[in-house]
Amino acid sequence: MTPPPNIAPPNILVAVARFYPDIADQLVAGATAELERQGATVEVADIMGAFELPAAVRVAHDCGRFDGYVALGCVIRGETTHYDYVCGESARGLNELALRFGVAIGYGIVTTETREQAWERAAVDRRNKGRDAAQACLRMVELRRRFAPAD
C-alpha cells in the first residue's frame, strides 16, 4: 500500500498487550514487518493486558498523531470466567472506537484455549495474526483516505 508521492505514508501505532511476552514479541514482529514493507511509519506502545487495549488506543487517538492502530495481544483460557470478560470487553471496546470515531483498527488479539494454539497463531513463521491485523489496519486507513471529505 505504498501511498502516492503527494500523500504521507500512514503513521501507525502498534499497541501490544505484554501479558504473554513471547507471544506478544511474535505478533509485533509480524505486524511491524508488514507495516514497514507497505511503507508505513510505526510506533510501538507496550500495554499490560488485552483489557487495557481499547483505552490505550483511545488515548493515542485523542493525541491525533496516528492514522491507524494495530491492537495485539493474547488471552488464553484459564480456570475461571475471567477469559470471557477480557476477550469480550477488549473486542467490544475496540469495535466501539472503530464505529463511533471511524478509527482504523487492525484487531490482532489472539484468543485461544491453550498456549500451543496461541503460538500457532502468533509465530512469525506460522499464521501470524499480527501481520493480518497490520494488513487490516492499512486497508482501513486506505478506505478512510479514499472517502475523506475533499478540502
N, C-alpha and C. Protein backbone atom coordinates (compact mmCIF):
# COMPACT_ATOMS: atom_id res chain seq x y z
N MET A 1 0.82 -1.19 0.00
CA MET A 1 0.00 0.00 0.00
C MET A 1 0.86 1.25 0.00
N THR A 2 1.92 1.29 -0.73
CA THR A 2 2.75 2.49 -0.77
C THR A 2 1.90 3.65 -1.28
N PRO A 3 1.81 4.72 -0.47
CA PRO A 3 0.95 5.84 -0.87
C PRO A 3 1.53 6.59 -2.06
N PRO A 4 0.67 7.27 -2.82
CA PRO A 4 1.17 8.12 -3.91
C PRO A 4 2.12 9.16 -3.34
N PRO A 5 2.99 9.73 -4.19
CA PRO A 5 4.02 10.67 -3.71
C PRO A 5 3.47 11.88 -2.95
N ASN A 6 2.28 12.33 -3.25
CA ASN A 6 1.74 13.53 -2.60
C ASN A 6 1.01 13.23 -1.29
N ILE A 7 0.94 11.97 -0.89
CA ILE A 7 0.26 11.59 0.34
C ILE A 7 1.29 10.98 1.30
N ALA A 8 1.29 11.49 2.53
CA ALA A 8 2.23 10.98 3.53
C ALA A 8 1.94 9.51 3.83
N PRO A 9 2.99 8.75 4.10
CA PRO A 9 2.74 7.35 4.47
C PRO A 9 1.96 7.31 5.78
N PRO A 10 1.15 6.29 5.96
CA PRO A 10 0.38 6.22 7.20
C PRO A 10 1.29 6.04 8.41
N ASN A 11 0.93 6.72 9.48
CA ASN A 11 1.64 6.59 10.75
C ASN A 11 0.78 5.70 11.64
N ILE A 12 1.29 4.54 12.01
CA ILE A 12 0.51 3.52 12.69
C ILE A 12 1.09 3.26 14.09
N LEU A 13 0.19 3.19 15.05
CA LEU A 13 0.57 2.78 16.40
C LEU A 13 0.23 1.30 16.57
N VAL A 14 1.22 0.55 16.98
CA VAL A 14 1.01 -0.85 17.35
C VAL A 14 0.93 -0.88 18.87
N ALA A 15 -0.27 -1.12 19.39
CA ALA A 15 -0.47 -1.22 20.83
C ALA A 15 -0.49 -2.70 21.18
N VAL A 16 0.42 -3.13 22.03
CA VAL A 16 0.56 -4.56 22.30
C VAL A 16 0.44 -4.85 23.79
N ALA A 17 -0.46 -5.77 24.09
CA ALA A 17 -0.59 -6.28 25.45
C ALA A 17 0.55 -7.25 25.71
N ARG A 18 1.31 -7.02 26.76
CA ARG A 18 2.53 -7.78 27.03
C ARG A 18 2.34 -8.89 28.05
N PHE A 19 1.12 -9.31 28.33
CA PHE A 19 0.88 -10.31 29.37
C PHE A 19 1.62 -11.62 29.07
N TYR A 20 1.66 -12.03 27.81
CA TYR A 20 2.44 -13.18 27.37
C TYR A 20 3.55 -12.64 26.46
N PRO A 21 4.69 -12.26 27.03
CA PRO A 21 5.70 -11.52 26.25
C PRO A 21 6.26 -12.27 25.04
N ASP A 22 6.44 -13.58 25.13
CA ASP A 22 6.98 -14.31 23.98
C ASP A 22 6.00 -14.30 22.81
N ILE A 23 4.73 -14.44 23.11
CA ILE A 23 3.71 -14.40 22.06
C ILE A 23 3.57 -12.97 21.53
N ALA A 24 3.58 -12.00 22.43
CA ALA A 24 3.49 -10.60 22.01
C ALA A 24 4.65 -10.23 21.09
N ASP A 25 5.85 -10.69 21.39
CA ASP A 25 7.01 -10.38 20.54
C ASP A 25 6.81 -10.87 19.12
N GLN A 26 6.24 -12.06 18.97
CA GLN A 26 6.00 -12.61 17.64
C GLN A 26 4.93 -11.81 16.90
N LEU A 27 3.86 -11.46 17.60
CA LEU A 27 2.80 -10.66 16.97
C LEU A 27 3.34 -9.32 16.50
N VAL A 28 4.14 -8.68 17.34
CA VAL A 28 4.73 -7.38 16.99
C VAL A 28 5.67 -7.52 15.80
N ALA A 29 6.48 -8.56 15.81
CA ALA A 29 7.42 -8.77 14.70
C ALA A 29 6.68 -8.90 13.37
N GLY A 30 5.61 -9.67 13.36
CA GLY A 30 4.83 -9.83 12.13
C GLY A 30 4.16 -8.54 11.71
N ALA A 31 3.59 -7.83 12.67
CA ALA A 31 2.89 -6.58 12.35
C ALA A 31 3.84 -5.51 11.86
N THR A 32 4.93 -5.30 12.55
CA THR A 32 5.85 -4.22 12.17
C THR A 32 6.52 -4.52 10.82
N ALA A 33 6.85 -5.78 10.59
CA ALA A 33 7.45 -6.13 9.30
C ALA A 33 6.48 -5.81 8.16
N GLU A 34 5.21 -6.15 8.33
CA GLU A 34 4.21 -5.89 7.29
C GLU A 34 3.98 -4.40 7.11
N LEU A 35 3.87 -3.66 8.21
CA LEU A 35 3.65 -2.22 8.11
C LEU A 35 4.82 -1.54 7.40
N GLU A 36 6.03 -1.89 7.79
CA GLU A 36 7.21 -1.28 7.16
C GLU A 36 7.31 -1.70 5.70
N ARG A 37 6.99 -2.95 5.38
CA ARG A 37 7.03 -3.43 3.99
C ARG A 37 6.09 -2.61 3.12
N GLN A 38 4.98 -2.16 3.70
CA GLN A 38 4.00 -1.39 2.94
C GLN A 38 4.20 0.12 3.07
N GLY A 39 5.33 0.53 3.66
CA GLY A 39 5.69 1.94 3.66
C GLY A 39 5.16 2.77 4.81
N ALA A 40 4.56 2.15 5.81
CA ALA A 40 4.03 2.90 6.95
C ALA A 40 5.15 3.21 7.94
N THR A 41 4.95 4.28 8.69
CA THR A 41 5.83 4.53 9.84
C THR A 41 5.14 3.89 11.05
N VAL A 42 5.95 3.42 11.98
CA VAL A 42 5.43 2.60 13.07
C VAL A 42 5.97 3.07 14.41
N GLU A 43 5.08 3.10 15.39
CA GLU A 43 5.47 3.30 16.78
C GLU A 43 4.81 2.18 17.57
N VAL A 44 5.54 1.62 18.53
CA VAL A 44 5.02 0.53 19.35
C VAL A 44 4.83 1.02 20.77
N ALA A 45 3.68 0.71 21.35
CA ALA A 45 3.40 1.04 22.75
C ALA A 45 3.05 -0.24 23.49
N ASP A 46 3.78 -0.51 24.55
CA ASP A 46 3.52 -1.68 25.36
C ASP A 46 2.43 -1.38 26.38
N ILE A 47 1.44 -2.27 26.45
CA ILE A 47 0.31 -2.16 27.36
C ILE A 47 0.31 -3.43 28.22
N MET A 48 -0.17 -3.34 29.43
CA MET A 48 -0.12 -4.51 30.32
C MET A 48 -0.93 -5.70 29.78
N GLY A 49 -2.21 -5.49 29.51
CA GLY A 49 -3.04 -6.62 29.10
C GLY A 49 -4.05 -6.23 28.05
N ALA A 50 -4.74 -7.22 27.53
CA ALA A 50 -5.71 -7.01 26.45
C ALA A 50 -6.87 -6.13 26.89
N PHE A 51 -7.26 -6.22 28.14
CA PHE A 51 -8.38 -5.42 28.64
C PHE A 51 -8.10 -3.93 28.51
N GLU A 52 -6.85 -3.54 28.64
CA GLU A 52 -6.47 -2.13 28.60
C GLU A 52 -6.27 -1.59 27.18
N LEU A 53 -6.26 -2.45 26.19
CA LEU A 53 -6.00 -2.01 24.81
C LEU A 53 -6.98 -0.96 24.30
N PRO A 54 -8.29 -1.10 24.49
CA PRO A 54 -9.19 -0.06 23.98
C PRO A 54 -8.89 1.32 24.57
N ALA A 55 -8.64 1.39 25.86
CA ALA A 55 -8.33 2.68 26.48
C ALA A 55 -7.02 3.24 25.95
N ALA A 56 -6.04 2.38 25.74
CA ALA A 56 -4.76 2.84 25.20
C ALA A 56 -4.92 3.40 23.79
N VAL A 57 -5.69 2.72 22.97
CA VAL A 57 -5.92 3.21 21.61
C VAL A 57 -6.69 4.52 21.66
N ARG A 58 -7.64 4.65 22.55
CA ARG A 58 -8.40 5.89 22.66
C ARG A 58 -7.49 7.06 23.06
N VAL A 59 -6.62 6.84 24.03
CA VAL A 59 -5.69 7.89 24.45
C VAL A 59 -4.80 8.30 23.27
N ALA A 60 -4.28 7.32 22.56
CA ALA A 60 -3.43 7.62 21.41
C ALA A 60 -4.22 8.33 20.31
N HIS A 61 -5.44 7.90 20.09
CA HIS A 61 -6.29 8.53 19.07
C HIS A 61 -6.54 10.01 19.40
N ASP A 62 -6.75 10.28 20.67
CA ASP A 62 -7.02 11.66 21.09
C ASP A 62 -5.84 12.59 20.84
N CYS A 63 -4.63 12.05 20.76
CA CYS A 63 -3.46 12.91 20.50
C CYS A 63 -3.39 13.34 19.04
N GLY A 64 -4.07 12.61 18.15
CA GLY A 64 -4.15 13.00 16.75
C GLY A 64 -2.92 12.72 15.90
N ARG A 65 -1.98 11.94 16.38
CA ARG A 65 -0.74 11.68 15.63
C ARG A 65 -0.81 10.48 14.69
N PHE A 66 -1.81 9.62 14.88
CA PHE A 66 -1.80 8.35 14.17
C PHE A 66 -2.95 8.24 13.17
N ASP A 67 -2.66 7.56 12.07
CA ASP A 67 -3.67 7.29 11.05
C ASP A 67 -4.43 6.00 11.33
N GLY A 68 -3.82 5.12 12.10
CA GLY A 68 -4.44 3.84 12.40
C GLY A 68 -3.73 3.14 13.53
N TYR A 69 -4.33 2.04 13.95
CA TYR A 69 -3.86 1.32 15.13
C TYR A 69 -3.92 -0.17 14.87
N VAL A 70 -2.92 -0.87 15.39
CA VAL A 70 -2.92 -2.32 15.38
C VAL A 70 -2.92 -2.74 16.85
N ALA A 71 -3.98 -3.41 17.26
CA ALA A 71 -4.11 -3.87 18.65
C ALA A 71 -3.73 -5.34 18.71
N LEU A 72 -2.69 -5.64 19.48
CA LEU A 72 -2.17 -7.01 19.55
C LEU A 72 -2.16 -7.51 20.99
N GLY A 73 -2.36 -8.78 21.14
CA GLY A 73 -2.27 -9.40 22.46
C GLY A 73 -2.71 -10.85 22.38
N CYS A 74 -2.76 -11.45 23.54
CA CYS A 74 -3.14 -12.85 23.62
C CYS A 74 -3.89 -13.07 24.93
N VAL A 75 -4.98 -13.81 24.82
CA VAL A 75 -5.73 -14.23 26.00
C VAL A 75 -5.92 -15.74 25.88
N ILE A 76 -5.44 -16.45 26.89
CA ILE A 76 -5.55 -17.91 26.91
C ILE A 76 -6.52 -18.29 28.02
N ARG A 77 -7.47 -19.14 27.70
CA ARG A 77 -8.49 -19.54 28.68
C ARG A 77 -7.83 -20.18 29.90
N GLY A 78 -8.31 -19.78 31.05
CA GLY A 78 -7.84 -20.37 32.31
C GLY A 78 -8.98 -21.13 32.96
N GLU A 79 -8.93 -21.19 34.27
CA GLU A 79 -9.91 -21.98 35.02
C GLU A 79 -11.12 -21.17 35.46
N THR A 80 -11.12 -19.86 35.19
CA THR A 80 -12.23 -19.01 35.63
C THR A 80 -12.87 -18.32 34.44
N THR A 81 -13.90 -17.54 34.69
CA THR A 81 -14.59 -16.81 33.63
C THR A 81 -13.87 -15.52 33.24
N HIS A 82 -12.76 -15.22 33.85
CA HIS A 82 -12.00 -14.01 33.54
C HIS A 82 -11.74 -13.90 32.03
N TYR A 83 -11.40 -15.01 31.39
CA TYR A 83 -11.14 -15.07 29.96
C TYR A 83 -12.29 -14.46 29.16
N ASP A 84 -13.51 -14.85 29.50
CA ASP A 84 -14.68 -14.38 28.76
C ASP A 84 -14.84 -12.86 28.84
N TYR A 85 -14.61 -12.32 30.03
CA TYR A 85 -14.74 -10.87 30.20
C TYR A 85 -13.64 -10.12 29.45
N VAL A 86 -12.42 -10.59 29.57
CA VAL A 86 -11.31 -9.90 28.89
C VAL A 86 -11.49 -9.95 27.38
N CYS A 87 -11.80 -11.11 26.85
CA CYS A 87 -11.99 -11.24 25.39
C CYS A 87 -13.14 -10.36 24.91
N GLY A 88 -14.27 -10.48 25.57
CA GLY A 88 -15.45 -9.75 25.14
C GLY A 88 -15.29 -8.24 25.25
N GLU A 89 -14.76 -7.79 26.36
CA GLU A 89 -14.65 -6.35 26.58
C GLU A 89 -13.56 -5.71 25.73
N SER A 90 -12.47 -6.40 25.50
CA SER A 90 -11.43 -5.82 24.64
C SER A 90 -11.95 -5.71 23.20
N ALA A 91 -12.62 -6.73 22.72
CA ALA A 91 -13.19 -6.69 21.37
C ALA A 91 -14.26 -5.62 21.27
N ARG A 92 -15.15 -5.58 22.26
CA ARG A 92 -16.22 -4.58 22.26
C ARG A 92 -15.66 -3.16 22.28
N GLY A 93 -14.67 -2.93 23.13
CA GLY A 93 -14.09 -1.60 23.23
C GLY A 93 -13.42 -1.14 21.95
N LEU A 94 -12.67 -2.01 21.31
CA LEU A 94 -12.02 -1.65 20.06
C LEU A 94 -13.04 -1.44 18.95
N ASN A 95 -14.06 -2.29 18.90
CA ASN A 95 -15.10 -2.15 17.90
C ASN A 95 -15.86 -0.83 18.10
N GLU A 96 -16.11 -0.47 19.34
CA GLU A 96 -16.80 0.78 19.62
C GLU A 96 -15.99 1.98 19.12
N LEU A 97 -14.68 1.94 19.32
CA LEU A 97 -13.83 3.03 18.82
C LEU A 97 -13.91 3.11 17.30
N ALA A 98 -13.87 1.97 16.64
CA ALA A 98 -13.94 1.94 15.18
C ALA A 98 -15.26 2.50 14.69
N LEU A 99 -16.35 2.09 15.32
CA LEU A 99 -17.66 2.53 14.87
C LEU A 99 -17.98 3.97 15.26
N ARG A 100 -17.67 4.34 16.47
CA ARG A 100 -18.05 5.68 16.96
C ARG A 100 -17.17 6.78 16.38
N PHE A 101 -15.88 6.50 16.26
CA PHE A 101 -14.95 7.55 15.84
C PHE A 101 -14.34 7.31 14.46
N GLY A 102 -14.70 6.23 13.81
CA GLY A 102 -14.13 5.93 12.50
C GLY A 102 -12.65 5.62 12.55
N VAL A 103 -12.21 5.09 13.68
CA VAL A 103 -10.79 4.77 13.87
C VAL A 103 -10.43 3.53 13.06
N ALA A 104 -9.32 3.59 12.35
CA ALA A 104 -8.82 2.44 11.59
C ALA A 104 -8.06 1.52 12.55
N ILE A 105 -8.64 0.36 12.82
CA ILE A 105 -8.03 -0.57 13.79
C ILE A 105 -7.89 -1.94 13.15
N GLY A 106 -6.71 -2.51 13.31
CA GLY A 106 -6.49 -3.91 12.97
C GLY A 106 -6.53 -4.71 14.26
N TYR A 107 -7.41 -5.68 14.32
CA TYR A 107 -7.63 -6.47 15.54
C TYR A 107 -6.74 -7.71 15.51
N GLY A 108 -5.79 -7.75 16.42
CA GLY A 108 -4.86 -8.88 16.47
C GLY A 108 -4.73 -9.47 17.86
N ILE A 109 -5.86 -9.58 18.55
CA ILE A 109 -5.84 -10.22 19.87
C ILE A 109 -6.17 -11.70 19.66
N VAL A 110 -5.19 -12.53 19.93
CA VAL A 110 -5.34 -13.97 19.79
C VAL A 110 -6.06 -14.50 21.02
N THR A 111 -7.15 -15.20 20.83
CA THR A 111 -7.91 -15.78 21.94
C THR A 111 -7.97 -17.29 21.73
N THR A 112 -7.38 -18.02 22.66
CA THR A 112 -7.27 -19.47 22.47
C THR A 112 -7.52 -20.23 23.77
N GLU A 113 -7.61 -21.52 23.62
CA GLU A 113 -7.77 -22.43 24.76
C GLU A 113 -6.43 -22.80 25.38
N THR A 114 -5.37 -22.85 24.56
CA THR A 114 -4.06 -23.31 25.05
C THR A 114 -2.93 -22.43 24.52
N ARG A 115 -1.79 -22.53 25.18
CA ARG A 115 -0.59 -21.82 24.74
C ARG A 115 -0.16 -22.31 23.36
N GLU A 116 -0.30 -23.58 23.10
CA GLU A 116 0.09 -24.14 21.80
C GLU A 116 -0.74 -23.52 20.67
N GLN A 117 -2.03 -23.38 20.90
CA GLN A 117 -2.89 -22.73 19.90
C GLN A 117 -2.48 -21.27 19.71
N ALA A 118 -2.14 -20.61 20.79
CA ALA A 118 -1.71 -19.21 20.70
C ALA A 118 -0.43 -19.10 19.89
N TRP A 119 0.51 -19.98 20.16
CA TRP A 119 1.79 -19.94 19.46
C TRP A 119 1.59 -20.18 17.95
N GLU A 120 0.69 -21.09 17.60
CA GLU A 120 0.39 -21.37 16.19
C GLU A 120 -0.13 -20.11 15.49
N ARG A 121 -0.86 -19.27 16.19
CA ARG A 121 -1.45 -18.06 15.61
C ARG A 121 -0.56 -16.84 15.73
N ALA A 122 0.52 -16.96 16.51
CA ALA A 122 1.39 -15.81 16.74
C ALA A 122 2.74 -15.93 16.05
N ALA A 123 3.27 -17.11 15.93
CA ALA A 123 4.63 -17.27 15.41
C ALA A 123 4.76 -16.68 14.01
N VAL A 124 5.85 -15.97 13.80
CA VAL A 124 6.08 -15.30 12.52
C VAL A 124 6.12 -16.30 11.36
N ASP A 125 6.61 -17.49 11.61
CA ASP A 125 6.71 -18.49 10.54
C ASP A 125 5.45 -19.36 10.43
N ARG A 126 4.39 -18.93 11.13
CA ARG A 126 3.13 -19.67 11.05
C ARG A 126 2.02 -18.72 10.63
N ARG A 127 0.89 -18.74 11.30
CA ARG A 127 -0.28 -17.94 10.90
C ARG A 127 -0.28 -16.55 11.54
N ASN A 128 0.80 -15.94 11.70
CA ASN A 128 0.95 -14.70 12.46
C ASN A 128 -0.21 -13.72 12.29
N LYS A 129 -0.98 -13.56 13.36
CA LYS A 129 -2.14 -12.67 13.34
C LYS A 129 -1.73 -11.21 13.46
N GLY A 130 -0.51 -10.95 13.86
CA GLY A 130 -0.01 -9.57 13.85
C GLY A 130 0.08 -9.04 12.44
N ARG A 131 0.58 -9.85 11.55
CA ARG A 131 0.65 -9.48 10.12
C ARG A 131 -0.75 -9.24 9.57
N ASP A 132 -1.68 -10.14 9.89
CA ASP A 132 -3.06 -9.99 9.41
C ASP A 132 -3.69 -8.71 9.94
N ALA A 133 -3.46 -8.40 11.21
CA ALA A 133 -4.03 -7.18 11.81
C ALA A 133 -3.42 -5.94 11.17
N ALA A 134 -2.14 -5.97 10.84
CA ALA A 134 -1.49 -4.84 10.18
C ALA A 134 -2.11 -4.61 8.80
N GLN A 135 -2.34 -5.69 8.07
CA GLN A 135 -2.97 -5.57 6.75
C GLN A 135 -4.37 -4.99 6.88
N ALA A 136 -5.13 -5.44 7.86
CA ALA A 136 -6.49 -4.93 8.06
C ALA A 136 -6.45 -3.44 8.39
N CYS A 137 -5.54 -3.04 9.24
CA CYS A 137 -5.42 -1.63 9.61
C CYS A 137 -5.10 -0.78 8.38
N LEU A 138 -4.14 -1.21 7.59
CA LEU A 138 -3.76 -0.44 6.40
C LEU A 138 -4.91 -0.34 5.40
N ARG A 139 -5.70 -1.39 5.26
CA ARG A 139 -6.85 -1.33 4.36
C ARG A 139 -7.88 -0.32 4.87
N MET A 140 -8.05 -0.26 6.17
CA MET A 140 -8.99 0.71 6.75
C MET A 140 -8.47 2.13 6.61
N VAL A 141 -7.17 2.34 6.76
CA VAL A 141 -6.58 3.66 6.54
C VAL A 141 -6.81 4.07 5.09
N GLU A 142 -6.58 3.14 4.19
CA GLU A 142 -6.79 3.39 2.77
C GLU A 142 -8.25 3.77 2.49
N LEU A 143 -9.16 3.06 3.10
CA LEU A 143 -10.58 3.33 2.93
C LEU A 143 -10.95 4.71 3.48
N ARG A 144 -10.43 5.04 4.66
CA ARG A 144 -10.71 6.36 5.24
C ARG A 144 -10.18 7.47 4.32
N ARG A 145 -8.99 7.27 3.79
CA ARG A 145 -8.42 8.30 2.88
C ARG A 145 -9.24 8.40 1.60
N ARG A 146 -9.69 7.28 1.11
CA ARG A 146 -10.48 7.27 -0.13
C ARG A 146 -11.77 8.04 0.02
N PHE A 147 -12.42 7.91 1.17
CA PHE A 147 -13.71 8.53 1.38
C PHE A 147 -13.65 9.80 2.24
N ALA A 148 -12.46 10.32 2.47
CA ALA A 148 -12.32 11.54 3.26
C ALA A 148 -12.92 12.72 2.48
N PRO A 149 -13.56 13.63 3.19
CA PRO A 149 -14.10 14.82 2.50
C PRO A 149 -12.97 15.61 1.84
N ALA A 150 -13.24 16.14 0.67
CA ALA A 150 -12.24 16.97 -0.03
C ALA A 150 -12.05 18.27 0.73
N ASP A 151 -10.81 18.74 0.77
CA ASP A 151 -10.52 20.01 1.46
C ASP A 151 -10.94 21.19 0.65
